[in-house]
Amino acid sequence: MISQKLAVRYLADEMEGCPVPMTPESFRIKRWAEHDYVFFGHVPVRAYKHANRWRFSEPDVRGAVRTIAALPWDPEDLIDPRLDAHGKSDPLATTHSGWRTEIQNMIRRAAATEREEKGCRCGPLYCQQEETDWGLPCSLTPDALLQRCSSYTMACTLPVPTLVWVDDTWLIPRTLVYILDQQQEAESKLKAAAQQCSGCGAHSTDPTWRAPSTTGWKVLCPACTAAKLRSYRQELKGVAYARVRERGPRAEDFLCAVCETPRPATNWDHCHQHELIRGPLCGSCNTAEGQGKEFLARKGSVQHLLRCDGCRTQRTFPLHHRLAALRLYLHRKLGAQGCDWLIHMCVNINETGEGGYDCTVRCPGQGTSGSRGLRLTAAEAEHILSLMLEDGEGAKSS
C-alpha cells in the first residue's frame, strides 16, 4: 500500500507523454466523500484506511493511468455537450445535476465575477440578460474564462482548456465527454451501494447512516447502530484527553453522546481549556462543537459541555461558546416563535468597548418591523450565561 502523496507521484510519472488533460495533483479522497473511491478520470481507485490514514494499491493507481492513456485523444474531434460520446442526445444534459451543469455553473460564476470587476458591456453592472443557453454569458470571453478557470478540475481532468466556442454553445472533445459520462455513471452506482446498512442490509438515502472510522467508512442504520455500539456512561469522567488519545478506548466503539437518533461517534470531544474528556461525538456534532455557532441549539449540548469538571466547577462556558449561549437565549426570548433558521443568522452580537454587547434580533420573514435591538452590559451578559448554565444543570439532573 502507498500513501496518497506517493500515489500522486506515480500518477504524474505514468501520465508523462499522455495527451489527455489530467491533473494528478487533484487525486485525493475528499473529507466528506460518500464512498471509499477516488476517480482518476472515469477509473475508480479504491482507498483503504489504516490507522486513520488513507492508502492506495500501487497496481490500482498505475492501472488507472494506463486506462486513461489507452484512450484515443483528438482535441479537434469536438461534440456538443448536449450529446453523449456517440453523438446521441443525452437527457442528463438538460437536468440540474451532472458534470455538464457543473461546467455551466462554473462559467456563469466566472461571468458574474467578470461583470463585478469590469462592468457589463450592456450598460448596468449586473446584466439582466437571460443565461439559459449554452453559449458564453454576456461580458465573458474565452480568454477571460481560460484565465479564471483553466485549473478547474473534475475527476482529475481539466475540461476548461479543451472547450471551443461557437455561436450558441461550447464544444468539448469526444473523449473527455466519454470520460466524464462514465465517471458520472460510476459515481452514481457507488453512492447507491454505499447506502446499504452493513448490519441488516437496509437501504436509505439518509447521509447520517455513514460514519468515518479508523479503517474507512461504515454504514449502519439507527437500529443496528444502537445494537452494535455502546452508550456513553461517563466512563472517562475527569480523564485527561492526552491519556485517552494514547491508550484508548476508541470513540468509534460508542454512540454519539448528543444525537437523539443513534449515530456512531467518531471523535473524543474534550475541553481545550481544561484538556478533559467530555464524551464521544459523531462527526457532525464534533464539527458543530468546534465551530461554536449552532452546537448549543442541539438538545443536551449544554449538559455535554458541563461534563468537563473544570467548566462545571468554575460555572462557565468554553470561550467559543459564550456568544452562542447569548444568541440562543436572545433567540428564545425575542425571536419569532417557531423559527427554525440558524441562530447566528437571526441574532447578531458585537462586543462593545466596555465589555458589553450590542445585539440585534431579527428572524427571516419578520421584516425590519420585527427587528429588536438592545445593549447588554457585562453584568447582564454574565447573568444570562449563568441562567443558561442553570438550565443545563437542571436538564441534566432531571
Protein backbone atom coordinates (compact mmCIF):
# COMPACT_ATOMS: atom_id res chain seq x y z
CA MET A 1 0.00 0.00 0.00
CA ILE A 2 1.18 3.52 -0.79
CA SER A 3 0.32 6.93 0.66
CA GLN A 4 -1.83 9.50 -1.10
CA LYS A 5 1.25 11.65 -1.71
CA LEU A 6 3.13 8.76 -3.31
CA ALA A 7 0.09 7.87 -5.41
CA VAL A 8 0.13 11.39 -6.87
CA ARG A 9 3.80 10.98 -7.78
CA TYR A 10 3.16 7.65 -9.51
CA LEU A 11 0.24 9.16 -11.41
CA ALA A 12 2.38 12.05 -12.60
CA ASP A 13 5.17 9.70 -13.71
CA GLU A 14 2.78 7.44 -15.62
CA MET A 15 1.00 10.41 -17.23
CA GLU A 16 4.18 11.77 -18.81
CA GLY A 17 3.55 11.99 -22.53
CA CYS A 18 -0.19 11.30 -22.26
CA PRO A 19 -2.16 13.96 -24.22
CA VAL A 20 -5.38 13.71 -22.16
CA PRO A 21 -5.56 16.85 -19.95
CA MET A 22 -5.29 15.45 -16.42
CA THR A 23 -4.09 16.81 -13.08
CA PRO A 24 -2.65 14.10 -10.79
CA GLU A 25 -2.31 16.69 -8.01
CA SER A 26 -6.12 16.59 -7.60
CA PHE A 27 -6.06 12.88 -6.75
CA ARG A 28 -7.18 12.87 -3.14
CA ILE A 29 -10.07 11.48 -1.16
CA LYS A 30 -12.48 14.18 -0.06
CA ARG A 31 -13.08 14.66 3.64
CA TRP A 32 -16.80 14.00 3.35
CA ALA A 33 -16.63 11.51 0.47
CA GLU A 34 -19.65 9.26 0.08
CA HIS A 35 -17.62 6.14 -0.73
CA ASP A 36 -14.07 4.76 -0.50
CA TYR A 37 -13.03 5.50 -4.09
CA VAL A 38 -11.14 8.31 -5.79
CA PHE A 39 -11.73 8.82 -9.51
CA PHE A 40 -8.85 9.35 -11.87
CA GLY A 41 -10.87 10.23 -14.92
CA HIS A 42 -13.56 7.58 -15.16
CA VAL A 43 -11.50 4.96 -13.31
CA PRO A 44 -12.40 4.44 -9.63
CA VAL A 45 -9.38 3.69 -7.44
CA ARG A 46 -10.13 2.09 -4.08
CA ALA A 47 -8.81 3.84 -0.99
CA TYR A 48 -8.03 1.83 2.14
CA LYS A 49 -7.91 3.35 5.59
CA HIS A 50 -5.45 2.07 8.18
CA ALA A 51 -4.62 3.77 11.48
CA ASN A 52 -6.71 6.74 10.35
CA ARG A 53 -4.64 7.27 7.18
CA TRP A 54 -5.71 6.62 3.60
CA ARG A 55 -3.67 4.24 1.45
CA PHE A 56 -3.89 3.03 -2.15
CA SER A 57 -2.81 -0.06 -4.04
CA GLU A 58 0.09 0.76 -6.36
CA PRO A 59 -1.16 -1.54 -9.18
CA ASP A 60 -4.60 0.13 -8.98
CA VAL A 61 -3.03 3.59 -9.25
CA ARG A 62 -0.80 2.71 -12.19
CA GLY A 63 -3.62 0.81 -13.87
CA ALA A 64 -5.88 3.87 -13.75
CA VAL A 65 -3.33 5.95 -15.65
CA ARG A 66 -2.81 3.25 -18.26
CA THR A 67 -6.55 3.04 -18.82
CA ILE A 68 -6.67 6.78 -19.50
CA ALA A 69 -3.55 6.73 -21.67
CA ALA A 70 -5.04 3.97 -23.84
CA LEU A 71 -7.96 6.20 -24.88
CA PRO A 72 -7.85 7.91 -28.28
CA TRP A 73 -7.32 11.65 -27.99
CA ASP A 74 -8.12 14.12 -30.74
CA PRO A 75 -8.65 17.69 -29.45
CA GLU A 76 -10.32 18.56 -32.76
CA ASP A 77 -12.92 15.78 -32.52
CA LEU A 78 -15.47 18.03 -30.79
CA ILE A 79 -19.13 17.46 -29.97
CA ASP A 80 -21.97 19.45 -28.48
CA PRO A 81 -22.20 18.82 -24.70
CA ARG A 82 -25.89 18.08 -25.11
CA LEU A 83 -24.83 14.87 -26.88
CA ASP A 84 -23.09 11.83 -25.50
CA ALA A 85 -19.79 10.46 -26.82
CA HIS A 86 -21.68 8.59 -29.55
CA GLY A 87 -23.39 11.75 -30.78
CA LYS A 88 -26.79 10.83 -29.37
CA SER A 89 -28.97 13.20 -27.36
CA ASP A 90 -28.20 12.90 -23.65
CA PRO A 91 -31.17 13.54 -21.31
CA LEU A 92 -28.76 14.31 -18.45
CA ALA A 93 -27.58 17.39 -20.33
CA THR A 94 -30.84 19.20 -19.53
CA THR A 95 -31.08 18.24 -15.86
CA HIS A 96 -29.83 20.32 -12.92
CA SER A 97 -27.08 17.91 -11.99
CA GLY A 98 -24.07 16.22 -13.51
CA TRP A 99 -20.81 17.42 -14.97
CA ARG A 100 -22.41 19.45 -17.78
CA THR A 101 -24.40 21.57 -15.33
CA GLU A 102 -21.30 21.87 -13.11
CA ILE A 103 -19.38 23.38 -16.04
CA GLN A 104 -22.29 25.67 -16.88
CA ASN A 105 -22.47 26.92 -13.29
CA MET A 106 -18.72 27.46 -13.21
CA ILE A 107 -18.94 29.51 -16.42
CA ARG A 108 -21.77 31.62 -15.01
CA ARG A 109 -19.86 32.30 -11.80
CA ALA A 110 -16.88 33.42 -13.86
CA ALA A 111 -19.16 35.71 -15.89
CA ALA A 112 -20.65 37.23 -12.74
CA THR A 113 -17.18 37.92 -11.34
CA GLU A 114 -16.09 39.45 -14.64
CA ARG A 115 -19.09 41.80 -14.59
CA GLU A 116 -18.49 42.80 -10.97
CA GLU A 117 -14.88 43.68 -11.69
CA LYS A 118 -15.17 45.24 -15.15
CA GLY A 119 -18.83 46.08 -15.56
CA CYS A 120 -21.21 44.86 -18.24
CA ARG A 121 -20.87 46.00 -21.81
CA CYS A 122 -24.68 46.11 -21.96
CA GLY A 123 -24.66 49.05 -19.55
CA PRO A 124 -25.68 48.15 -15.98
CA LEU A 125 -23.32 46.49 -13.52
CA TYR A 126 -25.46 43.35 -13.44
CA CYS A 127 -26.74 42.40 -16.86
CA GLN A 128 -30.36 41.31 -16.91
CA GLN A 129 -29.86 39.12 -19.97
CA GLU A 130 -31.14 35.58 -19.50
CA GLU A 131 -28.37 32.98 -19.26
CA THR A 132 -30.30 29.84 -20.07
CA ASP A 133 -28.44 28.80 -23.23
CA TRP A 134 -25.09 27.03 -23.53
CA GLY A 135 -23.14 29.90 -25.02
CA LEU A 136 -20.83 32.34 -23.28
CA PRO A 137 -22.71 34.65 -20.90
CA CYS A 138 -22.55 38.36 -21.55
CA SER A 139 -19.22 40.03 -20.69
CA LEU A 140 -17.23 36.77 -20.59
CA THR A 141 -14.72 35.96 -23.32
CA PRO A 142 -12.99 32.62 -23.93
CA ASP A 143 -9.67 34.19 -22.88
CA ALA A 144 -11.17 35.53 -19.65
CA LEU A 145 -12.71 32.15 -18.86
CA LEU A 146 -9.42 30.39 -19.50
CA GLN A 147 -7.58 32.88 -17.32
CA ARG A 148 -10.01 32.41 -14.43
CA CYS A 149 -10.83 28.71 -14.66
CA SER A 150 -8.05 26.87 -16.51
CA SER A 151 -7.19 24.91 -13.35
CA TYR A 152 -10.82 23.90 -12.64
CA THR A 153 -10.83 20.12 -12.15
CA MET A 154 -13.43 17.37 -12.48
CA ALA A 155 -12.40 13.80 -11.65
CA CYS A 156 -8.78 14.93 -12.10
CA THR A 157 -9.50 16.18 -15.65
CA LEU A 158 -9.03 19.77 -16.83
CA PRO A 159 -12.06 20.50 -19.03
CA VAL A 160 -11.86 24.28 -19.47
CA PRO A 161 -8.69 24.44 -21.64
CA THR A 162 -10.31 21.96 -24.06
CA LEU A 163 -13.53 23.96 -24.64
CA VAL A 164 -14.11 25.53 -28.04
CA TRP A 165 -16.78 28.17 -28.61
CA VAL A 166 -19.31 28.56 -31.39
CA ASP A 167 -22.24 30.95 -31.61
CA ASP A 168 -24.68 29.23 -29.25
CA THR A 169 -22.74 26.63 -27.30
CA TRP A 170 -19.38 25.34 -26.19
CA LEU A 171 -17.89 22.19 -27.71
CA ILE A 172 -15.81 19.61 -25.90
CA PRO A 173 -13.56 16.76 -27.10
CA ARG A 174 -15.42 13.49 -27.58
CA THR A 175 -13.01 11.51 -25.41
CA LEU A 176 -13.48 13.89 -22.49
CA VAL A 177 -17.26 13.53 -22.83
CA TYR A 178 -16.79 9.75 -22.64
CA ILE A 179 -14.59 10.05 -19.53
CA LEU A 180 -16.95 12.36 -17.67
CA ASP A 181 -20.09 10.44 -18.64
CA GLN A 182 -18.55 7.17 -17.46
CA GLN A 183 -17.33 8.76 -14.24
CA GLN A 184 -20.78 10.20 -13.53
CA GLU A 185 -22.44 6.83 -14.03
CA ALA A 186 -19.89 5.00 -11.87
CA GLU A 187 -20.17 7.67 -9.16
CA SER A 188 -23.95 7.22 -9.00
CA LYS A 189 -23.59 3.47 -8.60
CA LEU A 190 -21.01 3.80 -5.84
CA LYS A 191 -23.16 6.28 -3.93
CA ALA A 192 -26.15 3.93 -4.14
CA ALA A 193 -24.09 0.96 -2.97
CA ALA A 194 -22.66 2.95 -0.08
CA GLN A 195 -26.13 3.47 1.40
CA GLN A 196 -26.70 -0.17 2.34
CA CYS A 197 -26.57 -0.89 6.06
CA SER A 198 -23.74 -3.31 6.78
CA GLY A 199 -25.78 -4.80 9.63
CA CYS A 200 -29.24 -5.59 8.27
CA GLY A 201 -28.82 -4.74 4.57
CA ALA A 202 -31.48 -2.00 4.57
CA HIS A 203 -31.14 0.84 2.05
CA SER A 204 -31.57 4.55 2.64
CA THR A 205 -30.55 7.89 1.16
CA ASP A 206 -30.07 9.29 4.67
CA PRO A 207 -26.44 10.53 4.81
CA THR A 208 -26.37 10.17 8.61
CA TRP A 209 -26.08 6.40 8.18
CA ARG A 210 -22.48 6.87 7.05
CA ALA A 211 -19.73 7.48 9.59
CA PRO A 212 -15.93 7.55 9.26
CA SER A 213 -13.77 5.18 11.26
CA THR A 214 -10.05 4.44 11.53
CA THR A 215 -10.48 1.70 8.89
CA GLY A 216 -12.78 3.50 6.42
CA TRP A 217 -16.43 4.44 6.12
CA LYS A 218 -19.07 2.31 7.81
CA VAL A 219 -22.79 2.39 7.04
CA LEU A 220 -25.24 1.48 9.80
CA CYS A 221 -28.94 2.22 10.20
CA PRO A 222 -30.01 3.64 13.59
CA ALA A 223 -31.32 0.27 14.81
CA CYS A 224 -28.06 -1.56 14.01
CA THR A 225 -26.05 1.36 15.39
CA ALA A 226 -27.85 1.10 18.73
CA ALA A 227 -27.40 -2.69 18.78
CA LYS A 228 -23.70 -2.74 17.91
CA LEU A 229 -22.33 0.28 19.80
CA ARG A 230 -22.20 1.27 23.47
CA SER A 231 -23.94 4.20 25.10
CA TYR A 232 -21.51 6.50 26.86
CA ARG A 233 -21.98 6.34 30.65
CA GLN A 234 -19.28 8.87 31.53
CA GLU A 235 -16.71 6.10 31.89
CA LEU A 236 -13.98 8.66 31.24
CA LYS A 237 -15.24 11.36 33.58
CA GLY A 238 -12.34 13.53 34.70
CA VAL A 239 -9.82 11.72 32.46
CA ALA A 240 -7.26 13.78 30.51
CA TYR A 241 -7.62 13.74 26.74
CA ALA A 242 -3.90 13.01 26.22
CA ARG A 243 -4.23 9.75 28.15
CA VAL A 244 -7.21 8.57 26.07
CA ARG A 245 -5.54 9.56 22.81
CA GLU A 246 -2.55 7.39 23.66
CA ARG A 247 -4.22 4.37 25.27
CA GLY A 248 -7.84 4.34 24.09
CA PRO A 249 -10.61 3.27 24.17
CA ARG A 250 -11.78 4.14 20.66
CA ALA A 251 -14.54 6.71 20.27
CA GLU A 252 -15.97 4.76 17.30
CA ASP A 253 -17.00 1.95 19.65
CA PHE A 254 -19.54 4.32 21.27
CA LEU A 255 -22.72 6.10 20.27
CA CYS A 256 -22.66 9.87 19.88
CA ALA A 257 -23.35 11.37 23.30
CA VAL A 258 -25.53 14.19 21.91
CA CYS A 259 -27.50 12.85 18.93
CA GLU A 260 -31.04 11.71 19.80
CA THR A 261 -31.09 9.27 16.87
CA PRO A 262 -28.36 6.66 17.44
CA ARG A 263 -25.25 7.59 15.46
CA PRO A 264 -21.70 6.22 15.66
CA ALA A 265 -19.21 8.50 17.36
CA THR A 266 -16.03 9.45 15.51
CA ASN A 267 -14.09 11.60 17.99
CA TRP A 268 -13.43 12.02 21.68
CA ASP A 269 -14.62 15.54 22.34
CA HIS A 270 -12.65 17.33 25.02
CA CYS A 271 -12.45 20.74 26.63
CA HIS A 272 -9.47 22.59 25.14
CA GLN A 273 -9.25 24.86 28.17
CA HIS A 274 -9.04 22.10 30.78
CA GLU A 275 -7.92 19.21 28.49
CA LEU A 276 -10.54 16.87 29.95
CA ILE A 277 -12.71 14.35 28.08
CA ARG A 278 -16.37 15.31 27.69
CA GLY A 279 -17.55 12.34 25.65
CA PRO A 280 -17.77 10.72 22.20
CA LEU A 281 -19.33 12.74 19.36
CA CYS A 282 -20.23 11.98 15.76
CA GLY A 283 -18.53 13.97 13.00
CA SER A 284 -21.43 16.41 12.67
CA CYS A 285 -21.65 17.20 16.40
CA ASN A 286 -17.87 17.39 16.75
CA THR A 287 -17.65 19.91 13.90
CA ALA A 288 -20.52 21.96 15.32
CA GLU A 289 -18.89 21.99 18.76
CA GLY A 290 -15.60 23.17 17.30
CA GLN A 291 -17.26 25.99 15.35
CA GLY A 292 -19.24 27.10 18.39
CA LYS A 293 -22.12 28.66 16.41
CA GLU A 294 -25.02 26.21 16.43
CA PHE A 295 -23.94 23.42 18.77
CA LEU A 296 -25.92 24.78 21.72
CA ALA A 297 -29.13 24.58 19.68
CA ARG A 298 -28.83 20.78 19.89
CA LYS A 299 -30.69 19.10 22.70
CA GLY A 300 -28.36 18.03 25.51
CA SER A 301 -25.45 20.16 24.28
CA VAL A 302 -25.12 22.28 27.44
CA GLN A 303 -25.15 19.16 29.59
CA HIS A 304 -22.43 17.73 27.36
CA LEU A 305 -20.20 20.79 27.81
CA LEU A 306 -20.65 20.55 31.58
CA ARG A 307 -19.18 17.05 31.57
CA CYS A 308 -15.85 18.84 31.83
CA ASP A 309 -15.18 19.03 35.58
CA GLY A 310 -13.29 22.30 35.13
CA CYS A 311 -16.15 24.10 33.34
CA ARG A 312 -18.72 22.74 35.75
CA THR A 313 -16.73 23.75 38.85
CA GLN A 314 -16.00 27.24 37.50
CA ARG A 315 -19.57 27.52 36.20
CA THR A 316 -18.52 28.80 32.82
CA PHE A 317 -18.92 28.05 29.15
CA PRO A 318 -15.88 27.42 26.94
CA LEU A 319 -14.85 30.74 25.40
CA HIS A 320 -16.01 29.94 21.86
CA HIS A 321 -19.49 29.04 23.15
CA ARG A 322 -20.16 32.20 25.18
CA LEU A 323 -21.53 34.26 22.29
CA ALA A 324 -23.50 31.23 21.06
CA ALA A 325 -25.12 30.91 24.50
CA LEU A 326 -26.10 34.59 24.44
CA ARG A 327 -27.55 34.20 20.92
CA LEU A 328 -29.56 31.15 21.96
CA TYR A 329 -31.02 32.96 24.99
CA LEU A 330 -31.96 36.06 23.00
CA HIS A 331 -33.44 33.98 20.20
CA ARG A 332 -35.65 32.15 22.68
CA LYS A 333 -36.79 35.37 24.32
CA LEU A 334 -37.07 37.76 21.36
CA GLY A 335 -37.02 35.67 18.19
CA ALA A 336 -40.01 34.66 16.08
CA GLN A 337 -41.99 31.80 17.56
CA GLY A 338 -41.21 28.53 15.81
CA CYS A 339 -38.27 30.00 13.85
CA ASP A 340 -36.01 27.18 12.65
CA TRP A 341 -33.34 29.28 10.95
CA LEU A 342 -29.72 29.07 12.09
CA ILE A 343 -29.47 31.11 15.26
CA HIS A 344 -26.38 33.06 14.22
CA MET A 345 -28.37 34.27 11.18
CA CYS A 346 -31.12 35.60 13.43
CA VAL A 347 -29.08 37.13 16.24
CA ASN A 348 -26.15 39.46 15.64
CA ILE A 349 -23.88 40.31 18.57
CA ASN A 350 -20.95 42.74 18.66
CA GLU A 351 -18.77 43.41 21.67
CA THR A 352 -18.59 46.98 22.97
CA GLY A 353 -15.59 48.70 24.47
CA GLU A 354 -17.00 48.37 27.99
CA GLY A 355 -17.18 44.56 27.90
CA GLY A 356 -20.86 44.56 26.98
CA TYR A 357 -22.62 43.66 23.76
CA ASP A 358 -24.74 45.37 21.10
CA CYS A 359 -27.37 42.85 19.98
CA THR A 360 -29.89 42.70 17.15
CA VAL A 361 -32.56 40.01 16.88
CA ARG A 362 -34.41 39.63 13.59
CA CYS A 363 -35.64 36.31 12.24
CA PRO A 364 -36.15 35.91 8.46
CA GLY A 365 -39.71 36.72 7.47
CA GLN A 366 -40.22 39.29 10.23
CA GLY A 367 -39.08 42.24 8.13
CA THR A 368 -37.48 45.35 9.55
CA SER A 369 -40.51 45.93 11.80
CA GLY A 370 -39.68 42.73 13.67
CA SER A 371 -36.10 43.75 14.38
CA ARG A 372 -35.24 44.07 18.07
CA GLY A 373 -32.10 45.86 19.23
CA LEU A 374 -30.68 46.01 22.72
CA ARG A 375 -27.44 46.56 24.59
CA LEU A 376 -26.24 44.15 27.27
CA THR A 377 -23.84 45.27 29.97
CA ALA A 378 -21.08 42.88 31.00
CA ALA A 379 -23.02 42.06 34.18
CA GLU A 380 -26.23 41.35 32.26
CA ALA A 381 -24.37 39.06 29.85
CA GLU A 382 -22.86 37.12 32.76
CA HIS A 383 -26.30 36.79 34.33
CA ILE A 384 -27.70 35.33 31.08
CA LEU A 385 -24.82 32.88 30.85
CA SER A 386 -25.49 31.84 34.44
CA LEU A 387 -29.15 31.20 33.59
CA MET A 388 -28.14 29.07 30.59
CA LEU A 389 -25.82 27.02 32.77
CA GLU A 390 -28.59 26.53 35.35
CA ASP A 391 -30.93 25.32 32.60
CA GLY A 392 -28.30 22.82 31.51
CA GLU A 393 -27.69 21.59 35.03
CA GLY A 394 -31.43 21.30 35.64
CA ALA A 395 -31.94 19.25 32.48
CA LYS A 396 -29.03 17.03 33.50
CA SER A 397 -30.40 16.34 36.97
CA SER A 398 -33.90 15.63 35.66
